[in-house]
Amino acid sequence: MKFAGIIHLEQNGRIVFPTGLRQSLNILPGDSLELFIDSGCIHIRRYTPTCILCGEINDITPYKGRNICFECLAEIQNIWPMQEHKIAL
């Protein structure tokens, strides 16, 4: 892991990343980042939506607040072939 600098927590709890760091990582205002905690350390990475069923990152669509890929969606629709159970996107 590479040291990238020190940042400070603002009064309101926000963390501000230095401009140079944001530019080098191509992080833009409005980008989503994920936070993970491991052994007392906070890890931050760019958020990549994945399918909740298989972990796929391509062809993802949101459904009821969750992400699902088209392949899993097609499988589900084959399990419940009746039209009233088909998932509408």
Protein backbone atom coordinates (compact mmCIF):
# COMPACT_ATOMS: atom_id res chain seq x y z
CA MET A 1 0.00 0.00 0.00
CA LYS A 2 1.35 3.43 -0.94
CA PHE A 3 1.23 6.44 1.42
CA ALA A 4 -0.88 9.19 -0.17
CA GLY A 5 -0.83 11.95 2.46
CA ILE A 6 -2.69 13.06 5.56
CA ILE A 7 -6.24 14.38 5.56
CA HIS A 8 -8.21 15.92 8.41
CA LEU A 9 -11.78 15.41 9.53
CA GLU A 10 -13.71 18.69 9.36
CA GLN A 11 -15.99 19.93 12.17
CA ASN A 12 -19.07 18.57 10.39
CA GLY A 13 -17.47 15.13 9.88
CA ARG A 14 -16.52 15.53 6.23
CA ILE A 15 -13.27 14.28 4.79
CA VAL A 16 -11.74 16.38 2.04
CA PHE A 17 -9.25 14.74 -0.30
CA PRO A 18 -6.46 17.00 -1.60
CA THR A 19 -6.95 18.24 -5.15
CA GLY A 20 -3.79 16.54 -6.42
CA LEU A 21 -4.92 13.17 -5.07
CA ARG A 22 -8.40 13.53 -6.59
CA GLN A 23 -6.91 14.52 -9.94
CA SER A 24 -4.38 11.67 -9.99
CA LEU A 25 -7.16 9.15 -9.24
CA ASN A 26 -9.67 10.90 -11.55
CA ILE A 27 -12.18 11.31 -8.70
CA LEU A 28 -14.80 13.88 -9.65
CA PRO A 29 -17.44 15.65 -7.53
CA GLY A 30 -20.46 13.35 -7.24
CA ASP A 31 -18.45 10.12 -7.70
CA SER A 32 -19.38 7.34 -5.28
CA LEU A 33 -16.74 5.72 -3.10
CA GLU A 34 -17.06 2.62 -0.90
CA LEU A 35 -15.74 2.44 2.66
CA PHE A 36 -14.50 -0.76 4.28
CA ILE A 37 -13.21 -1.33 7.79
CA ASP A 38 -10.59 -4.03 8.39
CA SER A 39 -8.65 -4.46 11.64
CA GLY A 40 -9.18 -0.83 12.63
CA CYS A 41 -8.20 0.54 9.20
CA ILE A 42 -10.51 2.36 6.81
CA HIS A 43 -10.15 1.43 3.14
CA ILE A 44 -11.74 3.59 0.44
CA ARG A 45 -12.22 2.59 -3.18
CA ARG A 46 -14.24 3.74 -6.16
CA TYR A 47 -17.74 2.25 -6.09
CA THR A 48 -18.43 -0.26 -8.84
CA PRO A 49 -22.00 -1.57 -8.95
CA THR A 50 -22.13 -5.38 -8.95
CA CYS A 51 -24.90 -7.95 -9.22
CA ILE A 52 -26.12 -8.97 -5.75
CA LEU A 53 -26.48 -12.57 -6.91
CA CYS A 54 -23.31 -13.35 -8.88
CA GLY A 55 -21.00 -10.35 -8.48
CA GLU A 56 -20.92 -9.51 -12.20
CA ILE A 57 -19.97 -5.90 -13.02
CA ASN A 58 -21.25 -5.74 -16.62
CA ASP A 59 -24.85 -5.23 -17.79
CA ILE A 60 -26.11 -4.18 -14.34
CA THR A 61 -29.55 -2.68 -13.77
CA PRO A 62 -31.10 -1.46 -10.52
CA TYR A 63 -34.18 -3.32 -9.25
CA LYS A 64 -35.92 -2.28 -6.01
CA GLY A 65 -32.78 -0.62 -4.66
CA ARG A 66 -30.47 -3.52 -5.56
CA ASN A 67 -28.28 -4.20 -8.59
CA ILE A 68 -28.85 -7.28 -10.72
CA CYS A 69 -27.22 -8.34 -13.99
CA PHE A 70 -29.25 -9.23 -17.07
CA GLU A 71 -28.08 -12.86 -16.96
CA CYS A 72 -29.40 -13.40 -13.41
CA LEU A 73 -32.56 -11.51 -14.30
CA ALA A 74 -33.13 -13.85 -17.26
CA GLU A 75 -32.55 -16.88 -15.01
CA ILE A 76 -35.09 -15.60 -12.50
CA GLN A 77 -37.63 -15.00 -15.26
CA ASN A 78 -37.12 -18.59 -16.46
CA ILE A 79 -37.76 -19.92 -12.94
CA TRP A 80 -41.05 -18.00 -12.77
CA PRO A 81 -42.29 -18.16 -16.36
CA MET A 82 -45.78 -16.83 -15.67
CA GLN A 83 -46.14 -13.28 -17.01
CA GLU A 84 -47.37 -11.76 -13.71
CA HIS A 85 -44.13 -12.82 -12.02
CA LYS A 86 -41.82 -11.37 -14.67
CA ILE A 87 -39.70 -8.48 -13.47
CA ALA A 88 -40.35 -5.26 -15.36
CA LEU A 89 -37.44 -2.87 -15.82
